[in-house]
């Protein structure tokens, strides 16, 4: 529908320009840019700035035919088969190794298949994304120092914030496991001491 609207608005605009015999390149260019901005602004606003979850969900469902949009909906709603099918479609559609690596990594993150991420991370051309995915793998492996080094290389604020949240979660899990092991050790030690005392009596 957006394309039909664009076509109709463009057609009317150019008829008006022709009717008034406007042949100035700058005016024609300005009209074209205004049409483009007017048509693309709602799309760009929804994709980049919208925060209302219901509106985003409606937008994603409305664009169900576009696998780039619908895969986000499928992942958010845990539609495993759709995620597999959409990833397959995207891999067939785009042949660039870097872009294919992004799709494979996105699917691997969804299914928590870190061996695929490790194998694909070198295919990513953008250094920020490469460091981002490396940091995710390092956090999964428990290498906090390595992850910190990768996080420092990233300039994108949202990537850093996402990784810092994951790092905090990893550290919390690490300390909880350490405390549980210590408690188990103490319980075992106490039991041994109690058993030893009973045996001595």
C-alpha atoms as a PDB file:
ATOM      1  CA  UNK A   1       0.000   0.000   0.000  1.00  0.00           C
ATOM      2  CA  UNK A   2       2.890   2.330   0.805  1.00  0.00           C
ATOM      3  CA  UNK A   3       4.210   1.934  -2.752  1.00  0.00           C
ATOM      4  CA  UNK A   4       0.823   2.748  -4.263  1.00  0.00           C
ATOM      5  CA  UNK A   5       0.591   5.892  -2.119  1.00  0.00           C
ATOM      6  CA  UNK A   6       4.093   6.902  -3.170  1.00  0.00           C
ATOM      7  CA  UNK A   7       3.254   6.408  -6.824  1.00  0.00           C
ATOM      8  CA  UNK A   8      -0.004   8.406  -6.619  1.00  0.00           C
ATOM      9  CA  UNK A   9       1.591  11.281  -4.675  1.00  0.00           C
ATOM     10  CA  UNK A  10       4.546  11.368  -7.084  1.00  0.00           C
ATOM     11  CA  UNK A  11       2.260  11.339 -10.122  1.00  0.00           C
ATOM     12  CA  UNK A  12       0.118  14.192  -8.776  1.00  0.00           C
ATOM     13  CA  UNK A  13       3.207  16.204  -7.795  1.00  0.00           C
ATOM     14  CA  UNK A  14       4.799  15.893 -11.201  1.00  0.00           C
ATOM     15  CA  UNK A  15       1.530  16.798 -12.968  1.00  0.00           C
ATOM     16  CA  UNK A  16       1.319  19.925 -10.790  1.00  0.00           C
ATOM     17  CA  UNK A  17       4.953  20.794 -11.551  1.00  0.00           C
ATOM     18  CA  UNK A  18       4.325  20.247 -15.258  1.00  0.00           C
ATOM     19  CA  UNK A  19       1.095  22.283 -15.170  1.00  0.00           C
ATOM     20  CA  UNK A  20       2.919  25.274 -13.655  1.00  0.00           C
ATOM     21  CA  UNK A  21       5.843  24.626 -16.012  1.00  0.00           C
ATOM     22  CA  UNK A  22       8.359  24.318 -13.208  1.00  0.00           C
ATOM     23  CA  UNK A  23      11.588  23.103 -14.743  1.00  0.00           C
ATOM     24  CA  UNK A  24      14.051  24.242 -12.083  1.00  0.00           C
ATOM     25  CA  UNK A  25      16.161  21.235 -11.093  1.00  0.00           C
ATOM     26  CA  UNK A  26      16.354  22.320  -7.453  1.00  0.00           C
ATOM     27  CA  UNK A  27      12.577  22.622  -7.076  1.00  0.00           C
ATOM     28  CA  UNK A  28      11.970  19.253  -8.753  1.00  0.00           C
ATOM     29  CA  UNK A  29      14.682  17.695  -6.560  1.00  0.00           C
ATOM     30  CA  UNK A  30      13.180  19.264  -3.432  1.00  0.00           C
ATOM     31  CA  UNK A  31       9.726  17.900  -4.306  1.00  0.00           C
ATOM     32  CA  UNK A  32      11.204  14.425  -4.840  1.00  0.00           C
ATOM     33  CA  UNK A  33      13.013  14.547  -1.492  1.00  0.00           C
ATOM     34  CA  UNK A  34       9.851  15.760   0.293  1.00  0.00           C
ATOM     35  CA  UNK A  35       7.832  12.910  -1.237  1.00  0.00           C
ATOM     36  CA  UNK A  36      10.479  10.399  -0.207  1.00  0.00           C
ATOM     37  CA  UNK A  37      10.665  11.771   3.337  1.00  0.00           C
ATOM     38  CA  UNK A  38       6.867  11.904   3.635  1.00  0.00           C
ATOM     39  CA  UNK A  39       6.508   8.298   2.566  1.00  0.00           C
ATOM     40  CA  UNK A  40       9.509   6.894   4.445  1.00  0.00           C
ATOM     41  CA  UNK A  41       9.084   8.842   7.692  1.00  0.00           C
ATOM     42  CA  UNK A  42       6.343   6.607   9.173  1.00  0.00           C
ATOM     43  CA  UNK A  43       8.384   3.504   8.337  1.00  0.00           C
ATOM     44  CA  UNK A  44      11.605   4.936   9.751  1.00  0.00           C
ATOM     45  CA  UNK A  45       9.847   6.190  12.872  1.00  0.00           C
ATOM     46  CA  UNK A  46       8.336   2.768  13.532  1.00  0.00           C
ATOM     47  CA  UNK A  47      11.597   0.923  12.904  1.00  0.00           C
ATOM     48  CA  UNK A  48      13.947   3.281  14.743  1.00  0.00           C
ATOM     49  CA  UNK A  49      12.037   5.281  17.360  1.00  0.00           C
ATOM     50  CA  UNK A  50       8.740   3.592  18.263  1.00  0.00           C
ATOM     51  CA  UNK A  51       8.566   2.347  21.865  1.00  0.00           C
ATOM     52  CA  UNK A  52       4.939   1.165  22.053  1.00  0.00           C
ATOM     53  CA  UNK A  53       5.141  -2.638  21.905  1.00  0.00           C
ATOM     54  CA  UNK A  54       1.614  -3.019  20.506  1.00  0.00           C
ATOM     55  CA  UNK A  55       2.365  -0.671  17.596  1.00  0.00           C
ATOM     56  CA  UNK A  56       5.633  -2.457  16.871  1.00  0.00           C
ATOM     57  CA  UNK A  57       3.875  -5.826  16.943  1.00  0.00           C
ATOM     58  CA  UNK A  58       1.174  -4.566  14.546  1.00  0.00           C
ATOM     59  CA  UNK A  59       3.881  -3.224  12.239  1.00  0.00           C
ATOM     60  CA  UNK A  60       5.753  -6.542  12.255  1.00  0.00           C
ATOM     61  CA  UNK A  61       2.568  -8.519  11.574  1.00  0.00           C
ATOM     62  CA  UNK A  62       1.585  -6.082   8.826  1.00  0.00           C
ATOM     63  CA  UNK A  63       4.971  -6.754   7.187  1.00  0.00           C
ATOM     64  CA  UNK A  64       4.735 -10.526   7.589  1.00  0.00           C
ATOM     65  CA  UNK A  65       5.738 -11.044   3.952  1.00  0.00           C
ATOM     66  CA  UNK A  66       9.088  -9.360   4.559  1.00  0.00           C
ATOM     67  CA  UNK A  67      11.300 -11.948   6.308  1.00  0.00           C
ATOM     68  CA  UNK A  68      13.618  -9.223   7.659  1.00  0.00           C
ATOM     69  CA  UNK A  69      10.753  -7.827   9.737  1.00  0.00           C
ATOM     70  CA  UNK A  70       8.801 -10.983  10.486  1.00  0.00           C
ATOM     71  CA  UNK A  71      11.816 -12.839  11.901  1.00  0.00           C
ATOM     72  CA  UNK A  72      11.885 -10.292  14.738  1.00  0.00           C
ATOM     73  CA  UNK A  73       8.249 -11.110  15.535  1.00  0.00           C
ATOM     74  CA  UNK A  74       8.919 -14.856  15.291  1.00  0.00           C
ATOM     75  CA  UNK A  75      11.884 -14.644  17.674  1.00  0.00           C
ATOM     76  CA  UNK A  76      10.033 -12.451  20.155  1.00  0.00           C
ATOM     77  CA  UNK A  77       7.087 -14.868  20.236  1.00  0.00           C
ATOM     78  CA  UNK A  78       9.205 -18.057  20.335  1.00  0.00           C
ATOM     79  CA  UNK A  79       7.968 -19.403  16.980  1.00  0.00           C
ATOM     80  CA  UNK A  80      10.821 -21.874  16.465  1.00  0.00           C
ATOM     81  CA  UNK A  81       9.722 -23.290  13.104  1.00  0.00           C
ATOM     82  CA  UNK A  82       9.115 -19.817  11.686  1.00  0.00           C
ATOM     83  CA  UNK A  83      12.583 -18.732  12.824  1.00  0.00           C
ATOM     84  CA  UNK A  84      14.158 -21.693  11.008  1.00  0.00           C
ATOM     85  CA  UNK A  85      12.095 -21.127   7.849  1.00  0.00           C
ATOM     86  CA  UNK A  86      12.708 -17.377   7.772  1.00  0.00           C
ATOM     87  CA  UNK A  87      16.439 -17.799   8.328  1.00  0.00           C
ATOM     88  CA  UNK A  88      16.520 -20.266   5.441  1.00  0.00           C
ATOM     89  CA  UNK A  89      14.657 -17.788   3.192  1.00  0.00           C
ATOM     90  CA  UNK A  90      17.019 -14.971   4.133  1.00  0.00           C
ATOM     91  CA  UNK A  91      20.082 -17.142   3.491  1.00  0.00           C
ATOM     92  CA  UNK A  92      18.745 -18.018   0.036  1.00  0.00           C
ATOM     93  CA  UNK A  93      17.911 -14.387  -0.728  1.00  0.00           C
ATOM     94  CA  UNK A  94      21.194 -12.766   0.355  1.00  0.00           C
ATOM     95  CA  UNK A  95      24.468 -14.249  -0.889  1.00  0.00           C
ATOM     96  CA  UNK A  96      26.941 -11.922   0.845  1.00  0.00           C
ATOM     97  CA  UNK A  97      29.020 -14.008   3.319  1.00  0.00           C
ATOM     98  CA  UNK A  98      28.920 -11.233   5.927  1.00  0.00           C
ATOM     99  CA  UNK A  99      25.150 -10.851   5.726  1.00  0.00           C
ATOM    100  CA  UNK A 100      24.639 -14.606   5.805  1.00  0.00           C
ATOM    101  CA  UNK A 101      26.845 -14.765   8.900  1.00  0.00           C
ATOM    102  CA  UNK A 102      24.577 -12.212  10.614  1.00  0.00           C
ATOM    103  CA  UNK A 103      21.501 -14.343   9.919  1.00  0.00           C
ATOM    104  CA  UNK A 104      23.213 -17.565  11.001  1.00  0.00           C
ATOM    105  CA  UNK A 105      24.424 -15.920  14.212  1.00  0.00           C
ATOM    106  CA  UNK A 106      20.969 -14.482  14.948  1.00  0.00           C
ATOM    107  CA  UNK A 107      19.449 -17.949  14.584  1.00  0.00           C
ATOM    108  CA  UNK A 108      22.256 -19.481  16.656  1.00  0.00           C
ATOM    109  CA  UNK A 109      21.726 -16.933  19.443  1.00  0.00           C
ATOM    110  CA  UNK A 110      18.018 -17.698  19.415  1.00  0.00           C
ATOM    111  CA  UNK A 111      18.655 -21.449  19.741  1.00  0.00           C
ATOM    112  CA  UNK A 112      21.730 -20.926  21.990  1.00  0.00           C
ATOM    113  CA  UNK A 113      24.012 -22.757  19.556  1.00  0.00           C
ATOM    114  CA  UNK A 114      27.342 -21.118  20.404  1.00  0.00           C
ATOM    115  CA  UNK A 115      29.453 -23.364  18.169  1.00  0.00           C
ATOM    116  CA  UNK A 116      27.764 -21.785  15.114  1.00  0.00           C
ATOM    117  CA  UNK A 117      28.497 -18.309  16.464  1.00  0.00           C
ATOM    118  CA  UNK A 118      32.170 -19.214  16.946  1.00  0.00           C
ATOM    119  CA  UNK A 119      32.400 -20.502  13.378  1.00  0.00           C
ATOM    120  CA  UNK A 120      30.635 -17.496  11.806  1.00  0.00           C
ATOM    121  CA  UNK A 121      32.053 -14.551  13.766  1.00  0.00           C
ATOM    122  CA  UNK A 122      35.091 -14.181  11.477  1.00  0.00           C
ATOM    123  CA  UNK A 123      32.770 -13.679   8.470  1.00  0.00           C
ATOM    124  CA  UNK A 124      31.378 -10.446   9.956  1.00  0.00           C
ATOM    125  CA  UNK A 125      32.974  -7.421   8.275  1.00  0.00           C
ATOM    126  CA  UNK A 126      31.815  -4.713  10.690  1.00  0.00           C
ATOM    127  CA  UNK A 127      34.363  -4.622  13.578  1.00  0.00           C
ATOM    128  CA  UNK A 128      31.761  -3.502  16.143  1.00  0.00           C
ATOM    129  CA  UNK A 129      29.458  -6.419  15.356  1.00  0.00           C
ATOM    130  CA  UNK A 130      32.390  -8.811  15.287  1.00  0.00           C
ATOM    131  CA  UNK A 131      33.490  -7.655  18.758  1.00  0.00           C
ATOM    132  CA  UNK A 132      29.872  -7.804  19.949  1.00  0.00           C
ATOM    133  CA  UNK A 133      29.448 -11.440  18.917  1.00  0.00           C
ATOM    134  CA  UNK A 134      32.904 -12.363  20.248  1.00  0.00           C
ATOM    135  CA  UNK A 135      32.009 -10.819  23.608  1.00  0.00           C
ATOM    136  CA  UNK A 136      28.797 -12.871  23.715  1.00  0.00           C
ATOM    137  CA  UNK A 137      30.775 -16.070  23.142  1.00  0.00           C
ATOM    138  CA  UNK A 138      33.418 -15.084  25.712  1.00  0.00           C
ATOM    139  CA  UNK A 139      30.722 -14.349  28.302  1.00  0.00           C
ATOM    140  CA  UNK A 140      29.141 -17.720  27.599  1.00  0.00           C
ATOM    141  CA  UNK A 141      32.554 -19.365  28.089  1.00  0.00           C
ATOM    142  CA  UNK A 142      33.011 -17.481  31.379  1.00  0.00           C
ATOM    143  CA  UNK A 143      35.984 -15.439  30.113  1.00  0.00           C
ATOM    144  CA  UNK A 144      35.025 -12.109  31.708  1.00  0.00           C
ATOM    145  CA  UNK A 145      38.416 -10.455  31.030  1.00  0.00           C
ATOM    146  CA  UNK A 146      38.316 -11.400  27.348  1.00  0.00           C
ATOM    147  CA  UNK A 147      34.735 -10.137  27.136  1.00  0.00           C
ATOM    148  CA  UNK A 148      35.779  -6.845  28.775  1.00  0.00           C
ATOM    149  CA  UNK A 149      38.485  -6.389  26.119  1.00  0.00           C
ATOM    150  CA  UNK A 150      35.951  -7.037  23.348  1.00  0.00           C
ATOM    151  CA  UNK A 151      33.426  -4.654  24.949  1.00  0.00           C
ATOM    152  CA  UNK A 152      36.033  -1.859  25.038  1.00  0.00           C
ATOM    153  CA  UNK A 153      36.428  -2.103  21.237  1.00  0.00           C
ATOM    154  CA  UNK A 154      32.726  -1.394  20.669  1.00  0.00           C
ATOM    155  CA  UNK A 155      31.617   2.185  20.046  1.00  0.00           C
ATOM    156  CA  UNK A 156      27.864   1.563  19.737  1.00  0.00           C
ATOM    157  CA  UNK A 157      26.070   2.476  22.956  1.00  0.00           C
ATOM    158  CA  UNK A 158      23.263  -0.098  22.678  1.00  0.00           C
ATOM    159  CA  UNK A 159      25.744  -2.914  22.035  1.00  0.00           C
ATOM    160  CA  UNK A 160      27.825  -1.932  25.057  1.00  0.00           C
ATOM    161  CA  UNK A 161      24.756  -1.696  27.290  1.00  0.00           C
ATOM    162  CA  UNK A 162      23.475  -5.089  26.136  1.00  0.00           C
ATOM    163  CA  UNK A 163      26.858  -6.709  26.761  1.00  0.00           C
ATOM    164  CA  UNK A 164      27.298  -5.024  30.140  1.00  0.00           C
ATOM    165  CA  UNK A 165      23.891  -6.389  31.171  1.00  0.00           C
ATOM    166  CA  UNK A 166      24.937  -9.872  30.014  1.00  0.00           C
ATOM    167  CA  UNK A 167      28.249  -9.506  31.858  1.00  0.00           C
ATOM    168  CA  UNK A 168      26.429  -8.574  35.052  1.00  0.00           C
ATOM    169  CA  UNK A 169      24.164 -11.593  34.627  1.00  0.00           C
ATOM    170  CA  UNK A 170      27.203 -13.832  34.047  1.00  0.00           C
ATOM    171  CA  UNK A 171      28.993 -12.445  37.105  1.00  0.00           C
ATOM    172  CA  UNK A 172      25.893 -12.896  39.246  1.00  0.00           C
ATOM    173  CA  UNK A 173      25.572 -16.495  38.063  1.00  0.00           C
ATOM    174  CA  UNK A 174      29.288 -17.080  38.676  1.00  0.00           C
ATOM    175  CA  UNK A 175      29.139 -15.787  42.262  1.00  0.00           C
ATOM    176  CA  UNK A 176      25.931 -17.676  42.988  1.00  0.00           C
ATOM    177  CA  UNK A 177      27.506 -20.930  41.776  1.00  0.00           C
ATOM    178  CA  UNK A 178      30.626 -20.230  43.801  1.00  0.00           C
ATOM    179  CA  UNK A 179      28.536 -19.583  46.932  1.00  0.00           C
ATOM    180  CA  UNK A 180      26.550 -22.775  46.350  1.00  0.00           C
ATOM    181  CA  UNK A 181      29.752 -24.800  45.951  1.00  0.00           C
ATOM    182  CA  UNK A 182      31.160 -23.258  49.127  1.00  0.00           C
ATOM    183  CA  UNK A 183      27.954 -24.096  51.000  1.00  0.00           C
ATOM    184  CA  UNK A 184      28.033 -27.670  49.669  1.00  0.00           C
ATOM    185  CA  UNK A 185      31.679 -27.957  50.699  1.00  0.00           C
ATOM    186  CA  UNK A 186      30.878 -26.637  54.181  1.00  0.00           C
ATOM    187  CA  UNK A 187      27.942 -29.024  54.526  1.00  0.00           C
ATOM    188  CA  UNK A 188      30.110 -31.940  53.402  1.00  0.00           C
ATOM    189  CA  UNK A 189      32.894 -30.849  55.732  1.00  0.00           C
ATOM    190  CA  UNK A 190      30.446 -30.468  58.638  1.00  0.00           C
ATOM    191  CA  UNK A 191      29.027 -33.910  57.891  1.00  0.00           C
ATOM    192  CA  UNK A 192      32.520 -35.402  57.835  1.00  0.00           C
ATOM    193  CA  UNK A 193      33.350 -33.661  61.103  1.00  0.00           C
ATOM    194  CA  UNK A 194      30.110 -34.905  62.676  1.00  0.00           C
ATOM    195  CA  UNK A 195      30.731 -38.422  61.375  1.00  0.00           C
ATOM    196  CA  UNK A 196      34.328 -38.292  62.614  1.00  0.00           C
ATOM    197  CA  UNK A 197      33.188 -37.109  66.067  1.00  0.00           C
ATOM    198  CA  UNK A 198      30.575 -39.888  66.215  1.00  0.00           C
ATOM    199  CA  UNK A 199      33.170 -42.469  65.207  1.00  0.00           C
ATOM    200  CA  UNK A 200      35.559 -41.223  67.891  1.00  0.00           C
ATOM    201  CA  UNK A 201      32.889 -41.669  70.586  1.00  0.00           C
END
